[in-house]
């Protein structure tokens, strides 16, 4: 959703009708995952993608048709033969795409929560008599509902269950076939220490859709000149003060680059007991041995100390700051995508 927000907002402010196509299920080598979106406004302007290009033309045509009759539709594409280059998935596989006219009220609800990084769930009936019935829920309640009133209670139960589980995908809710879409906050990269590696790392993180914060009590290192993309997100407090203010949760990824135990150790004492799935420290094994001794004396448990990723990053033979940043970002993404455990 996040990748189409700006374009859709512009279209709606210009009074243009908008249809949205959403990938709801895939099999085989489909190029996009459930939840991927393509927004369309006539005649053929689009934002986002549902297939990497191989079925976009057919989906756009269906989106325009949905605006004409204001009726959702569920599309199926499956290709494993010579028809691949006509309409379908040239790389094989199958994909189901739900296409619907966009309600501006729904967009306002989704946009507000997405930009605020508020977890929320949207549940949509994608077939049958209740087709198009939809609700949105967050931790505070249900800010949006439309469609068959008989289906809403059943959808609400499924939505709140998904808010806890975090699972996006097709499901059965009572008698209804639904698509449950969980919209999570952006991952939050928290960099401690404005080293040269941090310049490249924060740039990469922005490219990957992370929100980024910088902590360094040394203002010469963490300056707006060195990190122009972090305006308003630089703290010159010590980490034991700054980290609690930022909040550490399951979407937080902590990278410590300061090489100064007066900065590193307070950061670790706060980060290690937290829910942050990744905590990496740039250091040698010899330096880390002394760190372990100090943190153990400070009461940090062996289980928590084992969470530290150091030497930081994937072993790709990195030499330059940019290569080191790439190795760190790769390791973070492997944890985020559950390729390796935290």
Protein backbone atom coordinates (compact mmCIF):
# COMPACT_ATOMS: atom_id res chain seq x y z
CA UNK A 1 0.00 0.00 0.00
CA UNK A 2 2.75 2.39 0.97
CA UNK A 3 4.26 2.50 -2.53
CA UNK A 4 1.08 3.85 -4.14
CA UNK A 5 -0.06 6.31 -1.44
CA UNK A 6 1.42 9.47 -2.89
CA UNK A 7 0.23 8.87 -6.45
CA UNK A 8 -3.29 7.85 -5.39
CA UNK A 9 -3.58 10.87 -3.09
CA UNK A 10 -2.72 13.12 -6.01
CA UNK A 11 -5.32 11.50 -8.27
CA UNK A 12 -8.05 11.76 -5.65
CA UNK A 13 -7.23 15.40 -4.94
CA UNK A 14 -7.67 16.04 -8.68
CA UNK A 15 -11.09 14.38 -8.54
CA UNK A 16 -10.05 11.34 -10.57
CA UNK A 17 -11.65 7.92 -10.02
CA UNK A 18 -9.23 5.21 -8.89
CA UNK A 19 -9.35 1.42 -8.98
CA UNK A 20 -6.98 -0.77 -7.00
CA UNK A 21 -5.84 -4.29 -7.88
CA UNK A 22 -4.43 -6.46 -5.08
CA UNK A 23 -2.60 -9.78 -5.31
CA UNK A 24 -4.56 -12.12 -3.03
CA UNK A 25 -2.91 -15.47 -3.72
CA UNK A 26 -0.05 -16.97 -5.71
CA UNK A 27 1.28 -20.38 -6.68
CA UNK A 28 4.58 -21.29 -8.28
CA UNK A 29 6.92 -18.57 -9.49
CA UNK A 30 4.59 -15.57 -9.35
CA UNK A 31 6.76 -12.42 -9.07
CA UNK A 32 4.72 -10.49 -6.45
CA UNK A 33 3.40 -11.60 -3.07
CA UNK A 34 -0.12 -11.28 -1.58
CA UNK A 35 -0.82 -7.67 -0.70
CA UNK A 36 1.07 -6.19 -3.68
CA UNK A 37 -1.01 -3.46 -5.31
CA UNK A 38 -1.55 -1.67 -8.60
CA UNK A 39 -3.60 1.55 -8.68
CA UNK A 40 -5.20 2.71 -11.92
CA UNK A 41 -6.97 5.86 -13.05
CA UNK A 42 -8.36 6.37 -16.58
CA UNK A 43 -7.26 6.34 -19.25
CA UNK A 44 -4.26 4.17 -18.31
CA UNK A 45 -2.24 5.89 -15.60
CA UNK A 46 -0.95 3.47 -12.99
CA UNK A 47 1.12 3.20 -9.83
CA UNK A 48 2.57 0.06 -8.25
CA UNK A 49 2.66 -3.45 -9.68
CA UNK A 50 0.96 -6.80 -9.25
CA UNK A 51 3.11 -8.99 -11.47
CA UNK A 52 6.29 -7.29 -12.50
CA UNK A 53 4.68 -6.46 -15.84
CA UNK A 54 3.42 -9.74 -17.29
CA UNK A 55 -0.31 -9.34 -16.51
CA UNK A 56 -0.50 -5.60 -15.92
CA UNK A 57 -2.24 -4.88 -19.23
CA UNK A 58 -5.14 -7.24 -18.54
CA UNK A 59 -5.42 -6.04 -14.94
CA UNK A 60 -5.56 -2.40 -16.03
CA UNK A 61 -8.38 -3.21 -18.47
CA UNK A 62 -10.32 -4.93 -15.68
CA UNK A 63 -9.68 -2.02 -13.35
CA UNK A 64 -11.15 0.42 -15.88
CA UNK A 65 -14.16 -1.88 -16.27
CA UNK A 66 -14.65 -1.97 -12.50
CA UNK A 67 -14.82 1.82 -12.44
CA UNK A 68 -17.41 1.76 -15.22
CA UNK A 69 -19.80 -0.64 -13.45
CA UNK A 70 -18.53 -0.03 -9.88
CA UNK A 71 -18.26 -3.78 -9.34
CA UNK A 72 -15.28 -5.67 -7.89
CA UNK A 73 -13.95 -8.75 -9.67
CA UNK A 74 -11.55 -11.58 -8.90
CA UNK A 75 -9.11 -12.36 -11.72
CA UNK A 76 -7.10 -15.53 -12.18
CA UNK A 77 -3.99 -15.90 -14.31
CA UNK A 78 -2.18 -19.18 -14.76
CA UNK A 79 0.45 -19.97 -17.32
CA UNK A 80 2.50 -23.07 -17.91
CA UNK A 81 2.39 -23.48 -21.70
CA UNK A 82 2.65 -21.67 -25.02
CA UNK A 83 0.01 -19.09 -23.98
CA UNK A 84 2.53 -17.53 -21.58
CA UNK A 85 3.34 -14.67 -23.89
CA UNK A 86 -0.29 -13.79 -24.58
CA UNK A 87 -1.68 -12.90 -21.19
CA UNK A 88 -0.37 -14.43 -18.04
CA UNK A 89 2.79 -15.27 -16.23
CA UNK A 90 5.62 -15.76 -18.66
CA UNK A 91 7.71 -17.32 -15.89
CA UNK A 92 5.03 -19.87 -15.04
CA UNK A 93 2.91 -20.01 -11.90
CA UNK A 94 -0.52 -18.70 -11.03
CA UNK A 95 -1.83 -15.54 -9.47
CA UNK A 96 -5.25 -14.31 -8.25
CA UNK A 97 -5.87 -10.57 -8.27
CA UNK A 98 -8.81 -8.77 -6.70
CA UNK A 99 -9.82 -5.57 -8.48
CA UNK A 100 -12.13 -2.94 -6.98
CA UNK A 101 -13.05 0.74 -7.25
CA UNK A 102 -11.37 2.70 -4.46
CA UNK A 103 -13.58 4.41 -1.89
CA UNK A 104 -11.94 7.76 -0.92
CA UNK A 105 -13.10 7.26 2.67
CA UNK A 106 -11.31 3.90 2.78
CA UNK A 107 -8.19 5.46 1.31
CA UNK A 108 -8.19 8.17 3.98
CA UNK A 109 -8.39 5.54 6.73
CA UNK A 110 -5.63 3.40 5.23
CA UNK A 111 -3.40 6.35 4.40
CA UNK A 112 -3.57 7.82 7.89
CA UNK A 113 -2.68 4.55 9.58
CA UNK A 114 -0.01 3.56 7.08
CA UNK A 115 1.80 6.88 7.29
CA UNK A 116 1.59 6.81 11.10
CA UNK A 117 3.04 3.27 11.13
CA UNK A 118 -0.03 2.01 12.98
CA UNK A 119 -0.62 -1.76 12.57
CA UNK A 120 -4.01 -2.43 10.99
CA UNK A 121 -5.88 -5.14 9.13
CA UNK A 122 -8.21 -4.98 6.13
CA UNK A 123 -10.53 -7.92 5.45
CA UNK A 124 -12.40 -8.13 2.13
CA UNK A 125 -14.96 -10.66 0.88
CA UNK A 126 -13.64 -11.63 -2.56
CA UNK A 127 -16.44 -13.88 -3.88
CA UNK A 128 -20.11 -14.74 -3.46
CA UNK A 129 -23.16 -12.65 -2.61
CA UNK A 130 -21.27 -10.50 -0.09
CA UNK A 131 -18.56 -9.63 -2.64
CA UNK A 132 -16.85 -6.36 -1.73
CA UNK A 133 -17.87 -6.33 1.92
CA UNK A 134 -14.89 -4.86 3.74
CA UNK A 135 -13.69 -3.79 7.17
CA UNK A 136 -10.56 -2.19 8.58
CA UNK A 137 -9.54 -2.70 12.20
CA UNK A 138 -6.68 -1.50 14.36
CA UNK A 139 -5.93 -1.81 18.06
CA UNK A 140 -8.46 0.94 18.82
CA UNK A 141 -11.42 -0.54 16.95
CA UNK A 142 -13.00 -0.58 13.49
CA UNK A 143 -12.65 2.76 11.67
CA UNK A 144 -14.17 1.51 8.40
CA UNK A 145 -16.84 -0.96 7.36
CA UNK A 146 -18.94 -1.30 4.22
CA UNK A 147 -21.09 -3.97 2.61
CA UNK A 148 -23.29 -6.82 3.82
CA UNK A 149 -24.12 -6.18 7.51
CA UNK A 150 -24.64 -9.91 8.09
CA UNK A 151 -20.99 -10.54 7.25
CA UNK A 152 -19.43 -7.79 9.34
CA UNK A 153 -19.39 -9.59 12.70
CA UNK A 154 -17.69 -12.63 11.16
CA UNK A 155 -15.13 -10.46 9.37
CA UNK A 156 -14.41 -8.54 12.56
CA UNK A 157 -13.45 -11.69 14.44
CA UNK A 158 -11.06 -12.70 11.65
CA UNK A 159 -9.58 -9.22 11.46
CA UNK A 160 -8.70 -8.97 15.13
CA UNK A 161 -7.23 -12.48 15.05
CA UNK A 162 -5.02 -11.42 12.11
CA UNK A 163 -3.95 -8.28 13.97
CA UNK A 164 -2.38 -10.59 16.54
CA UNK A 165 -1.00 -13.21 14.16
CA UNK A 166 0.28 -10.86 11.48
CA UNK A 167 -0.70 -13.28 8.70
CA UNK A 168 -1.71 -11.94 5.27
CA UNK A 169 -3.54 -14.24 2.84
CA UNK A 170 -6.78 -15.80 1.68
CA UNK A 171 -8.96 -17.48 4.28
CA UNK A 172 -12.46 -18.66 5.05
CA UNK A 173 -14.37 -16.60 7.60
CA UNK A 174 -17.62 -18.37 8.38
CA UNK A 175 -19.36 -18.76 5.04
CA UNK A 176 -17.22 -16.13 3.32
CA UNK A 177 -14.09 -16.33 1.18
CA UNK A 178 -11.95 -13.41 2.28
CA UNK A 179 -8.60 -11.81 1.76
CA UNK A 180 -6.96 -10.72 4.99
CA UNK A 181 -4.32 -8.04 4.58
CA UNK A 182 -2.14 -7.12 7.54
CA UNK A 183 -0.41 -3.76 7.16
CA UNK A 184 2.57 -3.61 9.48
CA UNK A 185 4.63 -0.57 10.49
CA UNK A 186 7.75 0.09 8.51
CA UNK A 187 10.85 -1.56 9.96
CA UNK A 188 12.82 0.94 12.03
CA UNK A 189 16.59 1.06 11.68
CA UNK A 190 18.24 2.70 14.68
CA UNK A 191 21.89 3.54 14.06
CA UNK A 192 24.08 4.40 17.03
CA UNK A 193 27.22 6.20 15.95
CA UNK A 194 27.55 8.45 12.93
CA UNK A 195 30.53 6.63 11.44
CA UNK A 196 31.23 6.76 7.72
CA UNK A 197 29.59 3.36 7.31
CA UNK A 198 26.41 4.86 8.75
CA UNK A 199 26.12 7.31 5.85
CA UNK A 200 25.84 4.51 3.30
CA UNK A 201 23.78 2.30 5.62
CA UNK A 202 21.09 4.91 6.27
CA UNK A 203 20.82 5.59 2.54
CA UNK A 204 20.38 1.88 1.81
CA UNK A 205 17.81 1.52 4.58
CA UNK A 206 15.72 4.33 3.12
CA UNK A 207 15.82 2.59 -0.26
CA UNK A 208 14.54 -0.59 1.42
CA UNK A 209 11.57 1.22 2.97
CA UNK A 210 12.92 1.49 6.50
CA UNK A 211 12.38 4.52 8.68
CA UNK A 212 15.71 5.54 10.14
CA UNK A 213 16.88 7.17 13.37
CA UNK A 214 20.38 8.20 14.37
CA UNK A 215 21.76 8.39 17.92
CA UNK A 216 25.18 9.84 18.71
CA UNK A 217 26.05 12.20 21.58
CA UNK A 218 28.96 13.40 19.46
CA UNK A 219 27.28 16.10 17.41
CA UNK A 220 30.20 16.36 15.00
CA UNK A 221 29.53 12.78 13.89
CA UNK A 222 25.74 12.91 13.76
CA UNK A 223 25.11 16.20 12.01
CA UNK A 224 22.48 17.29 9.52
CA UNK A 225 25.28 17.97 7.03
CA UNK A 226 26.45 14.34 7.20
CA UNK A 227 22.92 12.93 7.28
CA UNK A 228 20.66 15.31 5.33
CA UNK A 229 17.97 12.63 4.93
CA UNK A 230 17.56 12.30 8.70
CA UNK A 231 16.26 15.77 9.49
CA UNK A 232 14.38 15.57 12.78
CA UNK A 233 15.54 11.99 13.42
CA UNK A 234 18.95 12.65 14.95
CA UNK A 235 19.41 12.51 18.72
CA UNK A 236 22.51 13.73 20.54
CA UNK A 237 21.48 12.10 23.81
CA UNK A 238 23.26 9.01 25.12
CA UNK A 239 21.61 5.76 23.95
CA UNK A 240 20.29 4.81 27.40
CA UNK A 241 18.20 8.00 27.23
CA UNK A 242 17.44 8.10 23.51
CA UNK A 243 16.43 4.46 22.93
CA UNK A 244 13.56 4.41 25.46
CA UNK A 245 12.26 7.62 23.90
CA UNK A 246 12.28 6.03 20.43
CA UNK A 247 10.77 2.77 21.67
CA UNK A 248 12.17 -0.63 20.85
CA UNK A 249 9.72 -3.20 19.51
CA UNK A 250 9.52 -6.13 17.12
CA UNK A 251 10.03 -3.76 14.17
CA UNK A 252 13.28 -2.23 15.50
CA UNK A 253 16.73 -3.08 14.13
CA UNK A 254 19.65 -1.70 16.12
CA UNK A 255 23.11 -1.15 14.63
CA UNK A 256 25.92 0.10 16.87
CA UNK A 257 28.86 1.67 15.06
CA UNK A 258 30.39 4.07 17.59
CA UNK A 259 33.47 2.02 18.68
CA UNK A 260 33.19 3.69 22.09
CA UNK A 261 32.19 1.61 25.13
CA UNK A 262 30.78 4.73 26.79
CA UNK A 263 28.22 4.74 23.96
CA UNK A 264 28.08 1.06 22.97
CA UNK A 265 27.53 -0.42 26.43
CA UNK A 266 24.57 1.79 27.48
CA UNK A 267 22.97 1.05 24.10
CA UNK A 268 23.31 -2.68 24.59
CA UNK A 269 22.03 -2.59 28.17
CA UNK A 270 18.79 -1.11 26.82
CA UNK A 271 18.54 -2.98 23.52
CA UNK A 272 19.35 -6.54 24.56
CA UNK A 273 16.34 -7.05 26.90
CA UNK A 274 14.01 -5.49 24.30
CA UNK A 275 11.91 -7.09 21.55
CA UNK A 276 14.21 -5.76 18.80
CA UNK A 277 14.91 -8.73 16.48
CA UNK A 278 18.35 -7.51 15.41
CA UNK A 279 21.18 -6.00 17.43
CA UNK A 280 24.51 -5.69 15.64
CA UNK A 281 27.79 -4.19 16.83
CA UNK A 282 30.79 -3.30 14.74
CA UNK A 283 33.84 -4.65 16.55
CA UNK A 284 36.58 -7.23 16.53
CA UNK A 285 36.28 -10.51 18.42
CA UNK A 286 38.96 -9.32 20.86
CA UNK A 287 37.05 -6.13 21.60
CA UNK A 288 33.84 -8.08 21.95
CA UNK A 289 35.37 -10.33 24.60
CA UNK A 290 35.93 -7.32 26.85
CA UNK A 291 32.43 -6.10 26.10
CA UNK A 292 30.94 -9.42 27.19
CA UNK A 293 32.83 -9.22 30.47
CA UNK A 294 31.55 -5.71 31.18
CA UNK A 295 27.94 -6.51 30.26
CA UNK A 296 27.98 -9.72 32.27
CA UNK A 297 29.13 -7.72 35.30
CA UNK A 298 26.25 -5.33 34.60
CA UNK A 299 23.77 -8.20 34.88
CA UNK A 300 23.07 -8.99 31.22
CA UNK A 301 22.26 -12.70 30.85
CA UNK A 302 24.16 -15.08 28.55
CA UNK A 303 20.97 -15.59 26.50
CA UNK A 304 20.72 -11.87 25.87
CA UNK A 305 24.42 -11.52 25.09
CA UNK A 306 24.08 -14.28 22.50
CA UNK A 307 21.72 -12.02 20.54
CA UNK A 308 24.56 -9.69 19.55
CA UNK A 309 25.60 -9.96 15.90
CA UNK A 310 29.33 -9.29 15.83
CA UNK A 311 31.49 -9.07 13.79
CA UNK A 312 28.57 -7.27 12.20
CA UNK A 313 27.22 -8.09 8.74
CA UNK A 314 27.43 -10.94 6.29
CA UNK A 315 30.86 -12.24 5.37
CA UNK A 316 31.16 -10.89 1.83
CA UNK A 317 34.77 -9.77 2.12
CA UNK A 318 33.63 -6.15 2.54
CA UNK A 319 36.38 -3.51 2.54
CA UNK A 320 34.88 -0.09 1.80
CA UNK A 321 32.27 1.67 3.98
CA UNK A 322 29.71 1.06 1.26
CA UNK A 323 30.50 -2.66 1.09
CA UNK A 324 30.34 -2.93 4.88
CA UNK A 325 26.99 -1.15 4.86
CA UNK A 326 25.74 -3.61 2.25
CA UNK A 327 26.84 -6.56 4.39
CA UNK A 328 25.02 -5.11 7.41
CA UNK A 329 21.86 -4.42 5.44
CA UNK A 330 21.94 -7.94 4.03
CA UNK A 331 22.17 -9.44 7.51
CA UNK A 332 19.30 -7.26 8.74
CA UNK A 333 17.12 -8.31 5.81
CA UNK A 334 17.88 -11.98 6.47
CA UNK A 335 16.64 -11.54 10.04
CA UNK A 336 13.65 -9.45 8.96
CA UNK A 337 12.66 -12.00 6.31
CA UNK A 338 13.24 -14.87 8.75
CA UNK A 339 16.00 -16.45 6.68
CA UNK A 340 18.10 -16.54 9.85
CA UNK A 341 16.96 -16.35 13.45
CA UNK A 342 17.62 -13.20 15.52
